[in-house]
Each structure stands twice: as structure tokens, then as C-alpha cells.
Amino acid sequence: MKNKIKNKMSAMFQKESFWAWVFVLPAFLGTLIFIIVPIFASFGLSFVDWNLISKPKIVGLENYTGLFNDPVFYQVLWNTLYYALITAIFSIILPLILAVALNGKIKGSGFFKTAY
């Protein structure tokens, strides 16, 4: 009797597992095709010099040494970090401060809680 129940549960689990894979597979394939494969392709292409007309020429780490010796790279890096910091402040810290303020007893906080 116990074995019969176990087999029934196993069959039910396999059926649920199949449908779980059916729903997860499109997201997995999309992530694989549009995120994972381009990351590895970009990494591989970073070791070659290729203008899409001639054959690719393997240059190894030459692209990276050229990058770190370029003074414009450091300005671009600083601008990117500055932009990321400002964006983080306005998208995370400022709303958190507003949420804490609205959680208290402030006149008009009910309106903002309802509106947002």
C-alpha cells in the first residue's frame, strides 16, 4: 500500500516537474541567447583585432594594455562611476528617506500613500 502511494506521488511530481520546465524554459533560453552567449562572444572578440572586412587577427592582451594606457579611459570610467552614484542616490536613497518620512505622522501623508 505504501509503495502504491509512493508511485502515485512520484508520477504526480514528475508531471509537475514537466510543467515547471515548460514554464521556465523560455526564460532560460532567452537569458542564454540574449545575455550569456553575447557575454562570452564579447570576451572572445576582445582578444582579436577585426574590422569585419578582413580576417580577424589575434592580438592577445594588446587591446587591454591599450585601454589602460589611454587617458580617455580613466575619464570615461570616472564619468560612469559618477553617473552610477548619482543614479543610486536618486533611485534608492531618496525614495527610502521619503518612505520613512511618510511612514510617520506627517500631515498629508495619507494622500501620498493613496496616490503612490
N, C-alpha and C. Protein backbone atom coordinates (compact mmCIF):
# COMPACT_ATOMS: atom_id res chain seq x y z
N MET A 1 0.82 -1.19 0.00
CA MET A 1 0.00 0.00 0.00
C MET A 1 0.87 1.26 0.00
N LYS A 2 1.92 1.22 0.82
CA LYS A 2 2.81 2.36 0.90
C LYS A 2 3.52 2.60 -0.43
N ASN A 3 3.90 1.51 -1.08
CA ASN A 3 4.60 1.59 -2.36
C ASN A 3 3.70 2.19 -3.44
N LYS A 4 2.40 1.88 -3.39
CA LYS A 4 1.44 2.39 -4.37
C LYS A 4 1.29 3.91 -4.22
N ILE A 5 1.23 4.37 -2.98
CA ILE A 5 1.12 5.81 -2.73
C ILE A 5 2.39 6.52 -3.18
N LYS A 6 3.54 5.89 -2.91
CA LYS A 6 4.81 6.47 -3.31
C LYS A 6 4.91 6.59 -4.83
N ASN A 7 4.46 5.57 -5.56
CA ASN A 7 4.48 5.62 -7.02
C ASN A 7 3.54 6.70 -7.55
N LYS A 8 2.38 6.86 -6.90
CA LYS A 8 1.41 7.88 -7.32
C LYS A 8 2.00 9.28 -7.09
N MET A 9 2.65 9.46 -5.94
CA MET A 9 3.27 10.75 -5.64
C MET A 9 4.42 11.03 -6.61
N SER A 10 5.18 10.00 -6.94
CA SER A 10 6.30 10.16 -7.86
C SER A 10 5.79 10.56 -9.25
N ALA A 11 4.72 9.94 -9.70
CA ALA A 11 4.14 10.29 -11.01
C ALA A 11 3.63 11.72 -11.00
N MET A 12 2.99 12.13 -9.90
CA MET A 12 2.47 13.48 -9.79
C MET A 12 3.64 14.49 -9.78
N PHE A 13 4.70 14.15 -9.06
CA PHE A 13 5.86 15.03 -9.02
C PHE A 13 6.49 15.17 -10.40
N GLN A 14 6.56 14.09 -11.15
CA GLN A 14 7.13 14.14 -12.49
C GLN A 14 6.28 15.00 -13.42
N LYS A 15 4.96 14.91 -13.26
CA LYS A 15 4.06 15.71 -14.08
C LYS A 15 4.23 17.20 -13.76
N GLU A 16 4.31 17.51 -12.46
CA GLU A 16 4.51 18.90 -12.06
C GLU A 16 5.88 19.39 -12.49
N SER A 17 6.86 18.53 -12.40
CA SER A 17 8.22 18.89 -12.81
C SER A 17 8.26 19.21 -14.31
N PHE A 18 7.54 18.45 -15.10
CA PHE A 18 7.48 18.70 -16.54
C PHE A 18 6.92 20.09 -16.81
N TRP A 19 5.80 20.43 -16.16
CA TRP A 19 5.19 21.74 -16.40
C TRP A 19 6.05 22.86 -15.85
N ALA A 20 6.77 22.59 -14.79
CA ALA A 20 7.70 23.60 -14.28
C ALA A 20 8.76 23.91 -15.33
N TRP A 21 9.30 22.87 -15.96
CA TRP A 21 10.29 23.07 -17.01
C TRP A 21 9.69 23.78 -18.22
N VAL A 22 8.45 23.49 -18.54
CA VAL A 22 7.79 24.15 -19.68
C VAL A 22 7.72 25.66 -19.45
N PHE A 23 7.44 26.06 -18.21
CA PHE A 23 7.32 27.49 -17.93
C PHE A 23 8.68 28.17 -17.74
N VAL A 24 9.67 27.43 -17.26
CA VAL A 24 10.98 28.01 -17.01
C VAL A 24 11.83 28.06 -18.28
N LEU A 25 11.62 27.13 -19.19
CA LEU A 25 12.46 27.01 -20.38
C LEU A 25 12.52 28.28 -21.24
N PRO A 26 11.41 28.97 -21.53
CA PRO A 26 11.53 30.19 -22.35
C PRO A 26 12.39 31.27 -21.70
N ALA A 27 12.24 31.46 -20.40
CA ALA A 27 13.08 32.45 -19.71
C ALA A 27 14.54 32.02 -19.72
N PHE A 28 14.78 30.74 -19.53
CA PHE A 28 16.14 30.23 -19.54
C PHE A 28 16.77 30.41 -20.92
N LEU A 29 16.04 30.07 -21.97
CA LEU A 29 16.56 30.21 -23.33
C LEU A 29 16.80 31.68 -23.69
N GLY A 30 15.88 32.55 -23.28
CA GLY A 30 16.06 33.98 -23.53
C GLY A 30 17.30 34.52 -22.84
N THR A 31 17.51 34.11 -21.59
CA THR A 31 18.70 34.53 -20.86
C THR A 31 19.95 33.99 -21.52
N LEU A 32 19.90 32.74 -21.94
CA LEU A 32 21.06 32.13 -22.58
C LEU A 32 21.39 32.83 -23.90
N ILE A 33 20.38 33.06 -24.73
CA ILE A 33 20.61 33.62 -26.07
C ILE A 33 20.97 35.11 -26.02
N PHE A 34 20.28 35.88 -25.17
CA PHE A 34 20.46 37.33 -25.20
C PHE A 34 21.42 37.87 -24.15
N ILE A 35 21.85 37.05 -23.20
CA ILE A 35 22.77 37.55 -22.16
C ILE A 35 24.05 36.73 -22.10
N ILE A 36 23.94 35.42 -21.88
CA ILE A 36 25.12 34.59 -21.65
C ILE A 36 25.98 34.48 -22.91
N VAL A 37 25.38 34.13 -24.04
CA VAL A 37 26.15 33.97 -25.28
C VAL A 37 26.84 35.28 -25.70
N PRO A 38 26.16 36.44 -25.68
CA PRO A 38 26.86 37.68 -26.04
C PRO A 38 28.01 38.03 -25.09
N ILE A 39 27.88 37.71 -23.81
CA ILE A 39 28.97 37.99 -22.88
C ILE A 39 30.21 37.19 -23.27
N PHE A 40 30.04 35.89 -23.51
CA PHE A 40 31.18 35.07 -23.90
C PHE A 40 31.72 35.45 -25.28
N ALA A 41 30.84 35.82 -26.20
CA ALA A 41 31.29 36.24 -27.53
C ALA A 41 32.09 37.54 -27.44
N SER A 42 31.64 38.48 -26.63
CA SER A 42 32.37 39.74 -26.46
C SER A 42 33.73 39.50 -25.82
N PHE A 43 33.76 38.61 -24.84
CA PHE A 43 35.03 38.30 -24.19
C PHE A 43 36.00 37.69 -25.20
N GLY A 44 35.52 36.78 -26.02
CA GLY A 44 36.38 36.18 -27.04
C GLY A 44 36.84 37.18 -28.08
N LEU A 45 35.95 38.07 -28.50
CA LEU A 45 36.31 39.08 -29.51
C LEU A 45 37.25 40.15 -28.97
N SER A 46 37.34 40.28 -27.65
CA SER A 46 38.23 41.29 -27.09
C SER A 46 39.70 40.93 -27.27
N PHE A 47 40.00 39.72 -27.67
CA PHE A 47 41.38 39.30 -27.88
C PHE A 47 41.79 39.33 -29.35
N VAL A 48 40.94 39.87 -30.22
CA VAL A 48 41.26 39.93 -31.65
C VAL A 48 41.11 41.36 -32.17
N ASP A 49 41.79 41.62 -33.27
CA ASP A 49 41.65 42.88 -33.99
C ASP A 49 40.93 42.54 -35.29
N TRP A 50 39.69 43.04 -35.41
CA TRP A 50 38.86 42.63 -36.53
C TRP A 50 37.99 43.80 -36.96
N ASN A 51 38.07 44.18 -38.24
CA ASN A 51 37.26 45.28 -38.75
C ASN A 51 36.07 44.78 -39.56
N LEU A 52 35.75 43.51 -39.49
CA LEU A 52 34.62 42.84 -40.15
C LEU A 52 34.80 42.70 -41.66
N ILE A 53 35.88 43.24 -42.22
CA ILE A 53 36.13 43.07 -43.65
C ILE A 53 37.26 42.07 -43.86
N SER A 54 38.36 42.29 -43.15
CA SER A 54 39.49 41.36 -43.26
C SER A 54 39.34 40.24 -42.23
N LYS A 55 40.27 39.30 -42.28
CA LYS A 55 40.23 38.19 -41.33
C LYS A 55 40.61 38.70 -39.94
N PRO A 56 40.03 38.12 -38.90
CA PRO A 56 40.41 38.54 -37.55
C PRO A 56 41.86 38.16 -37.23
N LYS A 57 42.55 39.06 -36.57
CA LYS A 57 43.95 38.83 -36.19
C LYS A 57 44.02 38.78 -34.66
N ILE A 58 44.55 37.70 -34.12
CA ILE A 58 44.64 37.54 -32.67
C ILE A 58 45.74 38.46 -32.15
N VAL A 59 45.37 39.33 -31.20
CA VAL A 59 46.34 40.26 -30.61
C VAL A 59 46.55 40.01 -29.13
N GLY A 60 45.85 39.08 -28.55
CA GLY A 60 46.03 38.75 -27.13
C GLY A 60 45.57 39.88 -26.22
N LEU A 61 46.43 40.25 -25.28
CA LEU A 61 46.07 41.29 -24.30
C LEU A 61 46.40 42.70 -24.78
N GLU A 62 46.78 42.84 -26.03
CA GLU A 62 47.15 44.16 -26.57
C GLU A 62 46.00 45.16 -26.47
N ASN A 63 44.78 44.71 -26.70
CA ASN A 63 43.62 45.60 -26.59
C ASN A 63 43.48 46.13 -25.16
N TYR A 64 43.74 45.28 -24.17
CA TYR A 64 43.61 45.70 -22.78
C TYR A 64 44.74 46.63 -22.36
N THR A 65 45.96 46.37 -22.82
CA THR A 65 47.06 47.28 -22.49
C THR A 65 46.83 48.64 -23.14
N GLY A 66 46.31 48.65 -24.34
CA GLY A 66 45.97 49.92 -24.99
C GLY A 66 44.87 50.65 -24.25
N LEU A 67 43.93 49.91 -23.73
CA LEU A 67 42.83 50.52 -22.98
C LEU A 67 43.32 51.19 -21.71
N PHE A 68 44.15 50.50 -20.94
CA PHE A 68 44.61 51.04 -19.66
C PHE A 68 45.68 52.12 -19.84
N ASN A 69 46.29 52.21 -21.00
CA ASN A 69 47.25 53.28 -21.27
C ASN A 69 46.59 54.51 -21.87
N ASP A 70 45.33 54.44 -22.20
CA ASP A 70 44.61 55.56 -22.80
C ASP A 70 44.08 56.48 -21.70
N PRO A 71 44.44 57.76 -21.71
CA PRO A 71 43.96 58.66 -20.65
C PRO A 71 42.45 58.92 -20.73
N VAL A 72 41.87 58.78 -21.89
CA VAL A 72 40.42 58.98 -22.02
C VAL A 72 39.66 57.90 -21.25
N PHE A 73 40.22 56.71 -21.16
CA PHE A 73 39.57 55.61 -20.45
C PHE A 73 39.28 55.98 -19.00
N TYR A 74 40.24 56.62 -18.35
CA TYR A 74 40.06 56.96 -16.94
C TYR A 74 39.01 58.05 -16.76
N GLN A 75 38.91 58.97 -17.71
CA GLN A 75 37.85 59.98 -17.65
C GLN A 75 36.48 59.33 -17.85
N VAL A 76 36.40 58.40 -18.79
CA VAL A 76 35.14 57.68 -19.03
C VAL A 76 34.76 56.85 -17.81
N LEU A 77 35.75 56.20 -17.20
CA LEU A 77 35.50 55.40 -16.00
C LEU A 77 34.98 56.28 -14.87
N TRP A 78 35.59 57.44 -14.67
CA TRP A 78 35.15 58.36 -13.63
C TRP A 78 33.72 58.84 -13.92
N ASN A 79 33.42 59.20 -15.16
CA ASN A 79 32.07 59.65 -15.52
C ASN A 79 31.04 58.56 -15.26
N THR A 80 31.39 57.32 -15.57
CA THR A 80 30.47 56.21 -15.36
C THR A 80 30.20 55.99 -13.88
N LEU A 81 31.25 56.01 -13.07
CA LEU A 81 31.08 55.83 -11.63
C LEU A 81 30.28 56.98 -11.02
N TYR A 82 30.54 58.19 -11.48
CA TYR A 82 29.80 59.37 -11.00
C TYR A 82 28.32 59.24 -11.34
N TYR A 83 28.03 58.86 -12.58
CA TYR A 83 26.64 58.67 -13.02
C TYR A 83 25.96 57.57 -12.20
N ALA A 84 26.67 56.46 -11.95
CA ALA A 84 26.10 55.36 -11.17
C ALA A 84 25.81 55.80 -9.74
N LEU A 85 26.70 56.58 -9.15
CA LEU A 85 26.49 57.06 -7.78
C LEU A 85 25.29 57.99 -7.70
N ILE A 86 25.21 58.95 -8.60
CA ILE A 86 24.08 59.89 -8.61
C ILE A 86 22.77 59.14 -8.86
N THR A 87 22.79 58.20 -9.78
CA THR A 87 21.59 57.41 -10.06
C THR A 87 21.17 56.60 -8.84
N ALA A 88 22.13 56.01 -8.15
CA ALA A 88 21.81 55.22 -6.95
C ALA A 88 21.21 56.11 -5.87
N ILE A 89 21.74 57.30 -5.71
CA ILE A 89 21.21 58.22 -4.70
C ILE A 89 19.76 58.56 -5.00
N PHE A 90 19.48 58.92 -6.25
CA PHE A 90 18.13 59.35 -6.58
C PHE A 90 17.13 58.21 -6.74
N SER A 91 17.60 57.00 -6.99
CA SER A 91 16.65 55.90 -7.19
C SER A 91 16.52 54.99 -5.98
N ILE A 92 17.43 55.07 -5.01
CA ILE A 92 17.36 54.19 -3.85
C ILE A 92 17.28 54.99 -2.55
N ILE A 93 18.26 55.85 -2.33
CA ILE A 93 18.36 56.52 -1.03
C ILE A 93 17.26 57.55 -0.85
N LEU A 94 17.02 58.39 -1.84
CA LEU A 94 15.98 59.42 -1.73
C LEU A 94 14.59 58.82 -1.54
N PRO A 95 14.17 57.82 -2.32
CA PRO A 95 12.86 57.21 -2.05
C PRO A 95 12.78 56.53 -0.69
N LEU A 96 13.88 55.98 -0.21
CA LEU A 96 13.88 55.37 1.12
C LEU A 96 13.65 56.43 2.20
N ILE A 97 14.28 57.57 2.06
CA ILE A 97 14.07 58.66 3.02
C ILE A 97 12.63 59.14 2.97
N LEU A 98 12.07 59.28 1.77
CA LEU A 98 10.67 59.69 1.64
C LEU A 98 9.72 58.65 2.23
N ALA A 99 10.01 57.37 2.05
CA ALA A 99 9.16 56.32 2.60
C ALA A 99 9.18 56.33 4.12
N VAL A 100 10.35 56.53 4.70
CA VAL A 100 10.44 56.61 6.16
C VAL A 100 9.70 57.84 6.66
N ALA A 101 9.83 58.95 5.96
CA ALA A 101 9.13 60.17 6.37
C ALA A 101 7.62 60.00 6.26
N LEU A 102 7.14 59.36 5.20
CA LEU A 102 5.70 59.17 5.04
C LEU A 102 5.14 58.14 6.00
N ASN A 103 5.98 57.28 6.52
CA ASN A 103 5.53 56.28 7.48
C ASN A 103 5.20 56.91 8.83
N GLY A 104 5.74 58.08 9.09
CA GLY A 104 5.49 58.77 10.34
C GLY A 104 4.18 59.55 10.27
N LYS A 105 3.95 60.31 11.32
CA LYS A 105 2.73 61.12 11.41
C LYS A 105 2.98 62.50 10.81
N ILE A 106 2.85 62.60 9.51
CA ILE A 106 3.04 63.86 8.80
C ILE A 106 1.72 64.23 8.14
N LYS A 107 1.39 65.52 8.22
CA LYS A 107 0.15 65.99 7.61
C LYS A 107 0.23 65.79 6.09
N GLY A 108 -0.78 65.16 5.51
CA GLY A 108 -0.82 64.92 4.08
C GLY A 108 -0.18 63.61 3.67
N SER A 109 0.33 62.83 4.62
CA SER A 109 0.98 61.57 4.25
C SER A 109 -0.04 60.55 3.74
N GLY A 110 -1.28 60.64 4.22
CA GLY A 110 -2.32 59.73 3.75
C GLY A 110 -2.58 59.90 2.26
N PHE A 111 -2.55 61.15 1.80
CA PHE A 111 -2.75 61.41 0.37
C PHE A 111 -1.65 60.75 -0.46
N PHE A 112 -0.40 60.93 -0.04
CA PHE A 112 0.72 60.36 -0.79
C PHE A 112 0.72 58.84 -0.73
N LYS A 113 0.30 58.26 0.40
CA LYS A 113 0.22 56.81 0.49
C LYS A 113 -0.84 56.27 -0.47
N THR A 114 -1.94 57.01 -0.59
CA THR A 114 -3.00 56.59 -1.50
C THR A 114 -2.60 56.80 -2.96
N ALA A 115 -1.96 57.91 -3.24
CA ALA A 115 -1.60 58.25 -4.62
C ALA A 115 -0.50 57.36 -5.17
N TYR A 116 0.40 56.95 -4.31
CA TYR A 116 1.52 56.16 -4.80
C TYR A 116 1.48 54.77 -4.23
